[in-house]
Protein backbone atom coordinates (compact mmCIF):
# COMPACT_ATOMS: atom_id res chain seq x y z
CA MET A 1 0.11 0.22 0.11
CA MET A 2 2.80 2.33 0.76
CA HIS A 3 4.46 1.56 -2.41
CA ALA A 4 1.38 2.32 -4.64
CA ALA A 5 1.08 5.34 -2.92
CA ALA A 6 4.58 6.59 -3.42
CA LEU A 7 4.71 5.97 -7.04
CA ILE A 8 1.40 7.95 -6.82
CA LEU A 9 3.47 10.99 -5.17
CA LEU A 10 6.24 10.36 -7.53
CA ALA A 11 4.07 10.69 -10.75
CA LEU A 12 2.26 14.02 -9.28
CA LEU A 13 5.43 15.03 -8.38
CA THR A 14 6.76 14.37 -12.21
CA VAL A 15 3.64 15.94 -13.74
CA SER A 16 4.23 19.31 -11.76
CA LEU A 17 7.57 19.81 -12.46
CA PRO A 18 8.45 23.16 -14.54
CA LEU A 19 9.84 22.20 -18.22
CA ARG A 20 13.48 22.72 -18.13
CA ALA A 21 14.37 26.44 -18.66
CA ALA A 22 15.21 27.20 -22.47
CA ASP A 23 18.89 27.49 -23.14
CA TRP A 24 18.96 31.11 -24.98
CA THR A 25 22.50 31.70 -25.02
CA GLN A 26 22.93 30.77 -28.60
CA ASP A 27 19.69 32.50 -29.83
CA PHE A 28 21.41 35.65 -28.22
CA GLU A 29 24.61 34.78 -29.69
CA LYS A 30 23.43 35.28 -33.14
CA GLN A 31 21.37 38.01 -32.67
CA ALA A 32 24.75 40.55 -32.92
CA VAL A 33 24.82 41.70 -36.77
CA PRO A 34 28.15 40.50 -37.29
CA SER A 35 27.30 36.92 -36.04
CA ARG A 36 24.07 36.53 -37.11
CA PRO A 37 23.98 34.08 -40.13
CA ARG A 38 24.09 35.57 -43.39
CA LEU A 39 21.22 35.58 -46.18
CA GLU A 40 21.49 37.84 -48.68
CA VAL A 41 19.71 37.82 -52.40
CA ARG A 42 20.93 40.25 -55.56
CA TYR A 43 21.57 41.03 -58.56
CA THR A 44 25.34 40.49 -59.82
CA ASP A 45 25.64 43.33 -61.11
CA ALA A 46 23.64 46.39 -62.84
CA SER A 47 23.03 44.49 -66.15
CA ARG A 48 20.61 42.49 -64.24
CA THR A 49 21.19 39.13 -66.46
CA ALA A 50 22.28 37.01 -63.44
CA PHE A 51 21.31 36.87 -59.57
CA GLU A 52 22.85 35.40 -56.22
CA ILE A 53 22.09 33.67 -53.03
CA LEU A 54 24.90 34.09 -50.47
CA ALA A 55 23.77 32.36 -47.55
CA GLN A 56 25.58 30.82 -44.32
CA ASP A 57 26.14 27.56 -45.53
CA TYR A 58 26.17 27.99 -49.70
CA ALA A 59 26.31 30.43 -52.25
CA PHE A 60 24.90 30.18 -56.02
CA GLU A 61 23.88 31.97 -58.89
CA GLY A 62 21.50 31.76 -61.26
CA SER A 63 21.34 32.89 -64.84
CA LEU A 64 18.49 34.68 -66.26
CA LYS A 65 19.53 34.12 -69.80
CA ALA A 66 20.43 31.22 -71.72
CA PRO A 67 21.13 28.51 -70.05
CA HIS A 68 18.91 29.53 -66.94
CA VAL A 69 20.50 27.25 -64.54
CA LEU A 70 21.30 27.55 -60.93
CA LYS A 71 25.05 26.79 -60.31
CA GLU A 72 27.44 26.77 -57.55
CA THR A 73 29.31 30.10 -57.07
CA ALA A 74 32.85 28.79 -55.63
CA THR A 75 33.24 26.25 -58.57
CA GLY A 76 30.60 27.28 -61.23
CA GLY A 77 29.54 23.73 -61.19
CA PRO A 78 25.55 23.33 -61.98
CA ARG A 79 23.30 22.61 -59.00
CA LEU A 80 19.82 22.91 -60.16
CA GLY A 81 18.94 22.24 -64.07
CA LEU A 82 15.61 21.47 -65.50
CA LYS A 83 14.35 19.85 -68.30
CA ILE A 84 10.93 17.65 -69.66
CA ILE A 85 11.44 14.61 -71.95
CA ALA A 86 8.02 14.59 -74.20
CA GLY A 87 7.98 11.24 -76.56
CA ALA A 88 11.32 11.64 -78.01
CA THR A 89 12.54 15.44 -77.69
CA ILE A 90 13.99 17.01 -74.91
CA TYR A 91 13.17 20.51 -73.73
CA SER A 92 15.50 22.25 -71.44
CA THR A 93 15.46 25.80 -69.72
CA GLU A 94 18.91 25.95 -70.40
CA THR A 95 18.16 25.97 -74.37
CA HIS A 96 15.35 28.53 -73.91
CA PRO A 97 15.96 31.72 -75.69
CA GLN A 98 13.90 34.10 -74.06
CA PRO A 99 15.02 36.08 -70.40
CA SER A 100 13.60 35.28 -67.47
CA ARG A 101 13.63 37.24 -64.27
CA ILE A 102 13.12 37.20 -60.44
CA ASN A 103 10.86 38.68 -58.12
CA LEU A 104 11.41 38.89 -54.20
CA TYR A 105 7.75 37.81 -52.59
CA ARG A 106 9.15 37.66 -49.05
CA ARG A 107 12.67 39.11 -47.77
CA GLY A 108 14.85 39.20 -44.60
CA PRO A 109 17.51 38.21 -42.72
CA TYR A 110 16.25 34.71 -41.67
CA PHE A 111 14.03 33.90 -44.84
CA CYS A 112 14.08 34.92 -48.72
CA GLU A 113 11.23 33.78 -51.05
CA ILE A 114 12.56 34.23 -54.73
CA HIS A 115 10.49 33.69 -57.57
CA TRP A 116 12.48 33.10 -60.64
CA LEU A 117 9.50 33.64 -63.25
CA ASP A 118 9.01 33.33 -67.19
CA LEU A 119 11.39 29.91 -67.05
CA GLY A 120 10.57 28.04 -70.57
CA PHE A 121 11.34 24.54 -72.13
CA SER A 122 12.73 24.65 -75.51
CA ASP A 123 14.05 21.86 -77.62
CA ALA A 124 17.90 21.36 -78.66
CA GLU A 125 18.19 24.38 -80.75
CA GLY A 126 15.51 26.75 -79.06
CA LYS A 127 13.46 26.94 -82.27
CA SER A 128 10.57 24.97 -80.20
CA SER A 129 8.97 25.20 -76.88
CA LEU A 130 6.63 23.55 -74.78
CA PRO A 131 3.51 26.03 -73.99
CA LEU A 132 4.50 26.19 -70.39
CA ARG A 133 5.56 29.41 -68.29
CA GLY A 134 7.54 28.28 -64.93
CA ASP A 135 7.61 29.77 -61.64
CA LEU A 136 10.43 28.49 -59.39
CA ALA A 137 9.92 29.71 -55.90
CA LEU A 138 12.94 29.49 -53.99
CA PHE A 139 12.78 29.13 -50.26
CA ALA A 140 16.16 30.55 -48.89
CA TYR A 141 17.21 30.29 -45.16
CA PRO A 142 20.82 30.87 -43.99
CA ASP A 143 21.60 26.74 -43.79
CA LYS A 144 19.41 25.64 -46.27
CA LEU A 145 17.11 25.96 -49.51
CA LEU A 146 14.13 24.31 -50.84
CA ALA A 147 12.32 25.22 -53.98
CA SER A 148 8.84 24.41 -55.74
CA LEU A 149 8.35 24.42 -59.05
CA THR A 150 4.53 25.42 -60.48
CA LEU A 151 4.47 24.91 -64.45
CA HIS A 152 1.53 26.95 -66.02
CA ALA A 153 -0.07 25.60 -69.13
CA THR A 154 -0.38 28.64 -71.82
CA ASP A 155 -1.79 25.88 -74.34
CA ALA A 156 -2.87 22.76 -74.14
CA VAL A 157 0.10 19.95 -73.32
CA PRO A 158 -1.56 16.73 -74.67
CA HIS A 159 0.70 14.46 -74.44
CA GLY A 160 2.38 14.71 -70.76
CA GLY A 161 5.78 13.80 -70.25
CA VAL A 162 8.32 13.22 -67.08
CA LEU A 163 10.12 16.53 -65.76
CA TYR A 164 13.52 16.00 -64.78
CA VAL A 165 15.37 18.13 -61.80
CA THR A 166 19.15 17.65 -62.54
CA GLY A 167 22.28 19.38 -60.69
CA ARG A 168 22.03 17.55 -57.09
CA ALA A 169 23.63 14.71 -55.49
CA ALA A 170 20.73 12.60 -57.24
CA THR A 171 18.59 13.28 -60.73
CA GLU A 172 14.79 13.32 -59.46
CA SER A 173 12.06 13.00 -62.00
CA PHE A 174 8.17 13.76 -61.90
CA PRO A 175 5.33 12.53 -64.26
CA LEU A 176 3.89 14.68 -66.22
CA ALA A 177 0.05 14.43 -66.90
CA ASP A 178 -1.80 16.10 -69.88
CA MET A 179 -2.49 19.58 -69.43
CA GLY A 180 -5.60 21.81 -70.69
CA GLU A 181 -4.91 25.60 -71.30
CA GLY A 182 -5.06 27.66 -67.96
CA GLU A 183 -3.91 24.52 -65.75
CA GLN A 184 -1.19 24.23 -63.66
CA VAL A 185 0.91 21.80 -61.81
CA SER A 186 3.49 21.73 -58.98
CA PHE A 187 6.13 19.94 -57.66
CA SER A 188 8.55 20.40 -54.30
CA PHE A 189 12.12 19.45 -53.58
CA PRO A 190 15.19 20.20 -51.18
CA ILE A 191 17.96 21.48 -52.75
CA VAL A 192 20.83 22.34 -49.79
CA GLY A 193 20.35 21.03 -46.13
CA GLU A 194 16.64 19.93 -45.15
CA ALA A 195 16.54 17.82 -42.57
CA PRO A 196 13.83 15.71 -40.96
CA PRO A 197 11.51 17.98 -38.87
CA ILE A 198 10.41 17.73 -35.41
CA PRO A 199 7.91 14.99 -35.30
CA GLN A 200 4.45 16.55 -34.58
CA ASP A 201 4.07 15.23 -30.62
CA GLY A 202 6.98 17.86 -30.25
CA LEU A 203 4.99 20.76 -31.33
CA ILE A 204 2.47 22.23 -28.83
CA THR A 205 -0.14 25.01 -29.31
CA ILE A 206 -1.11 26.33 -26.44
CA GLU A 207 -3.08 29.69 -28.24
CA ALA A 208 -3.62 30.11 -31.34
CA THR A 209 -6.03 29.96 -34.40
CA ARG A 210 -4.19 27.58 -36.40
CA ASP A 211 -2.10 24.90 -34.74
CA LEU A 212 1.45 24.75 -35.25
CA ARG A 213 2.82 22.51 -37.92
CA TYR A 214 5.37 22.07 -40.27
CA ASP A 215 5.46 23.17 -43.64
CA ALA A 216 7.26 20.71 -45.78
CA VAL A 217 7.23 23.14 -49.04
CA ARG A 218 8.67 26.24 -47.44
CA GLY A 219 10.55 24.54 -44.63
CA CYS A 220 9.28 26.54 -41.86
CA TYR A 221 7.17 25.83 -38.64
CA THR A 222 3.83 28.03 -39.05
CA ILE A 223 0.72 29.04 -36.44
CA GLY A 224 -1.73 31.48 -36.83
CA SER A 225 -3.76 34.35 -35.42
CA HIS A 226 -6.48 36.56 -35.86
CA ASN A 227 -6.16 39.80 -36.52
CA PRO A 228 -9.36 41.74 -35.94
CA GLY A 229 -8.92 44.86 -37.83
CA HIS A 230 -7.14 46.74 -40.41
CA PHE A 231 -5.34 50.01 -40.18
CA GLU A 232 -7.83 52.30 -39.29
CA SER A 233 -9.19 50.28 -36.39
CA HIS A 234 -5.99 49.60 -34.87
CA PHE A 235 -5.28 53.47 -35.07
CA TYR A 236 -8.54 54.42 -33.68
CA HIS A 237 -10.19 51.58 -31.75
CA HIS A 238 -7.38 49.66 -30.25
CA PRO A 239 -3.82 50.68 -30.68
CA ASN A 240 -2.46 48.50 -28.11
CA HIS A 241 -3.78 45.37 -29.35
CA TYR A 242 -1.35 42.69 -29.59
CA GLU A 243 -2.10 39.61 -31.95
CA SER A 244 -0.84 37.08 -29.97
CA VAL A 245 0.13 33.11 -30.45
CA ARG A 246 1.70 30.53 -28.28
CA PHE A 247 3.27 27.81 -28.51
CA ARG A 248 6.21 24.62 -27.28
CA VAL A 249 8.81 22.95 -28.95
CA THR A 250 10.34 20.18 -27.55
CA ASN A 251 13.38 18.76 -29.82
CA ASP A 252 14.10 15.31 -30.40
CA THR A 253 17.73 14.05 -30.38
CA THR A 254 19.17 16.53 -33.35
CA PRO A 255 20.32 19.68 -32.40
CA ARG A 256 19.10 22.20 -35.04
CA THR A 257 17.91 25.61 -36.01
CA ILE A 258 14.12 26.30 -36.97
CA TYR A 259 12.18 28.82 -38.16
CA ILE A 260 8.72 29.55 -37.13
CA CYS A 261 6.29 31.63 -39.36
CA HIS A 262 3.48 32.96 -37.22
CA GLU A 263 0.89 34.39 -39.42
CA SER A 264 -2.15 36.08 -39.57
CA ALA A 265 -4.73 33.59 -40.34
CA SER A 266 -8.07 34.97 -40.19
CA GLY A 267 -9.63 38.43 -40.08
CA SER A 268 -8.06 41.40 -41.75
CA LEU A 269 -4.68 40.42 -43.68
CA GLY A 270 -1.52 42.28 -45.16
CA ALA A 271 -1.48 44.59 -42.01
CA VAL A 272 1.37 43.58 -39.79
CA GLU A 273 3.62 46.18 -38.71
CA GLY A 274 6.02 44.60 -36.40
CA GLY A 275 6.76 41.81 -34.22
CA VAL A 276 7.71 40.69 -30.58
CA LEU A 277 8.69 37.42 -28.74
CA LEU A 278 8.16 36.79 -25.08
CA ASP A 279 9.53 34.11 -22.92
CA GLN A 280 7.84 31.98 -20.80
CA GLU A 281 7.61 34.31 -17.86
CA ASN A 282 5.89 36.76 -20.40
CA HIS A 283 9.58 39.04 -20.58
CA PRO A 284 10.53 40.72 -24.29
CA LEU A 285 13.40 38.56 -26.10
CA PRO A 286 16.30 40.89 -27.45
CA ILE A 287 15.24 38.92 -30.70
CA THR A 288 14.83 40.81 -34.08
CA VAL A 289 11.55 39.56 -35.85
CA GLN A 290 11.51 39.59 -39.48
CA ILE A 291 8.07 41.48 -40.71
CA SER A 292 7.05 40.12 -44.49
CA LYS A 293 3.25 41.07 -45.49
CA ASN A 294 1.56 41.74 -48.90
CA PHE A 295 -1.63 44.26 -49.78
CA ALA A 296 -4.42 42.81 -51.43
CA GLY A 297 -5.61 44.54 -54.87
CA GLU A 298 -2.45 45.76 -56.79
CA LYS A 299 -2.23 42.55 -58.91
CA GLU A 300 1.35 43.07 -59.50
CA GLU A 301 1.81 39.66 -60.72
CA LYS A 302 -1.26 39.30 -63.03
CA PHE A 303 -0.29 36.05 -64.40
CA TYR A 304 1.20 34.12 -61.77
CA ASN A 305 -0.45 35.33 -58.67
CA PRO A 306 -3.67 36.74 -60.67
CA GLU A 307 -5.50 36.96 -56.35
CA ASP A 308 -2.88 38.93 -55.04
CA THR A 309 -3.31 37.04 -52.16
CA PRO A 310 -2.63 39.32 -48.92
CA PHE A 311 -0.72 38.02 -46.19
CA SER A 312 0.70 39.35 -42.22
CA GLU A 313 3.75 37.09 -41.26
CA THR A 314 6.75 37.36 -39.24
CA TYR A 315 9.80 35.15 -39.04
CA PHE A 316 12.21 34.20 -36.17
CA PRO A 317 14.66 31.44 -35.58
CA LEU A 318 15.30 28.86 -32.78
CA HIS A 319 18.06 27.49 -32.28
CA LEU A 320 17.69 23.89 -30.58
CA GLU A 321 19.82 21.62 -28.53
CA PRO A 322 18.87 18.12 -28.36
CA ASN A 323 15.79 17.21 -25.98
CA GLU A 324 15.45 21.41 -25.47
CA THR A 325 11.95 22.50 -24.72
CA VAL A 326 11.18 26.37 -25.71
CA GLU A 327 7.90 27.51 -24.32
CA LEU A 328 7.24 31.19 -26.01
CA THR A 329 4.58 33.99 -27.25
CA SER A 330 4.96 35.70 -30.36
CA LEU A 331 2.77 39.05 -30.79
CA HIS A 332 1.87 41.13 -33.97
CA LEU A 333 1.95 44.42 -33.38
CA TYR A 334 0.15 47.45 -35.14
CA GLN A 335 -0.14 51.02 -33.67
CA ASN A 336 1.48 50.96 -30.43
CA TRP A 337 3.84 49.12 -28.47
CA GLY A 338 3.04 50.46 -24.63
CA ARG A 339 2.68 54.34 -25.18
CA HIS A 340 5.00 54.29 -28.10
CA PRO A 341 4.11 53.94 -31.63
CA VAL A 342 5.81 50.77 -33.59
CA LYS A 343 8.27 52.04 -35.78
CA GLN A 344 9.04 49.16 -38.58
CA PHE A 345 10.36 48.25 -41.41
CA SER A 346 9.09 45.26 -43.84
CA SER A 347 9.23 43.56 -46.89
CA LEU A 348 6.20 43.99 -49.13
CA GLY A 349 4.96 41.81 -52.13
CA ALA A 350 5.34 44.15 -54.98
CA TRP A 351 6.33 44.23 -58.71
CA MET A 352 9.65 43.68 -57.15
CA ASP A 353 12.07 43.59 -54.55
CA TYR A 354 10.40 45.93 -52.04
CA PHE A 355 10.32 47.48 -48.19
CA HIS A 356 7.81 49.49 -46.55
CA SER A 357 7.97 51.33 -43.48
CA SER A 358 5.91 53.35 -41.08
CA THR A 359 5.28 54.84 -37.70
CA GLY A 360 2.62 52.68 -35.83
CA VAL A 361 0.09 52.07 -38.62
CA THR A 362 0.79 55.30 -40.82
CA GLU A 363 2.88 54.64 -44.02
CA THR A 364 6.01 56.66 -44.03
CA THR A 365 8.85 55.73 -46.75
CA CYS A 366 8.68 52.80 -49.31
CA TYR A 367 12.18 51.83 -50.57
CA VAL A 368 13.21 49.69 -53.85
CA PRO A 369 16.48 48.74 -53.09
CA PHE A 370 17.56 47.20 -56.67
CA LYS A 371 15.22 50.32 -57.98
CA PHE A 372 12.08 49.62 -59.73
CA GLY A 373 12.68 48.73 -63.43
CA GLY A 374 9.46 50.10 -64.83
CA LEU A 375 10.44 53.55 -63.63
CA PRO A 376 13.92 55.50 -64.33
CA GLY A 377 15.99 54.99 -61.16
CA VAL A 378 13.49 55.06 -58.35
CA ALA A 379 14.73 53.84 -54.92
CA ILE A 380 12.15 55.87 -53.04
CA ALA A 381 8.79 54.74 -54.06
CA ASP A 382 6.72 56.70 -51.87
CA LEU A 383 7.33 59.51 -49.24
CA ARG A 384 4.83 60.20 -46.50
CA PRO A 385 6.71 61.83 -43.33
CA MET A 386 3.72 61.31 -41.27
CA SER A 387 1.56 63.46 -43.54
CA GLN A 388 3.30 66.59 -41.95
CA ALA A 389 3.37 69.73 -43.77
CA PHE A 390 6.84 70.90 -44.16
CA TRP A 391 6.72 73.93 -45.65
CA SER A 392 3.75 76.50 -47.06
CA SER A 393 3.50 77.71 -50.80
């Protein structure tokens, strides 16, 4: 009887023990800019005929004219090539004569989403092409790179074929079914550094409108919240509303860095202005949060993204030791942080690489780091210094 009582007491004590405190040492060390893992995407020169991804663990260059391949910067060797065998003919991006281009839908210190657009497939002479337009999304992190290729049929593709992804350790193939005009099909695959994710039972949602889960296409862990209003309501009615999620992650035996995407999953989308992380005791953490969003309605990519889907997302890394448990809260900010208006700088989905800044929800400056290609030399697309009158005419 005493033995049974002792076992019950031990079980109760085990259940009530607090979680092992998270070790934030590595997270804080890697926040200092000189030691922050590298991630940059840019054109190689002013001709804009090639781009490069410069990450902590890899460096690649993509050609925006034939041969339209991704190659290793250090060796020049091919790392990603695309070809389709239809019947007896090989169609490849390498022989497609028309230029391709890039657009960054999301950009920041932890995650860049690069869309390599207008990829075509031509025969060996470059004279005959399949009626397909390719959108190769590259999901870049400092330590890994994933890809998703979407093929859009501009006319019927009656006989299908086989898509081959070359240049990696092993060539991967995907069967292509017949496609009608206007149809599309997508294929996803890793390029660098993707490891098996944390098992789902290690991902515990405490507060959210969409549970924490792994996004195998983008390579991040997503969790969703509800935004109750757009810019005006945050300014006038609830300036100190903090859109929150709370969750717990328990790592397995593999030391790893994971990336969390806190997204507005319902309500008003495209309006997030800032982000803050809180530890288990609700103390703010000194971790920079990446802010990425898209306003709906401008339809900058009418062919590839005709819905112009709005989104509000924040990103941040977690550096986890084996069996480490971390519990934290992520906040989306809009107008104020306490008594102070939020000062934010976020990437914005647009015609090309684009940044948006504001004081609270009042837009101030839009910055185009590579200058907007459709206008002569525009680097500051909008300048609204709090809408103040600085002089009278």
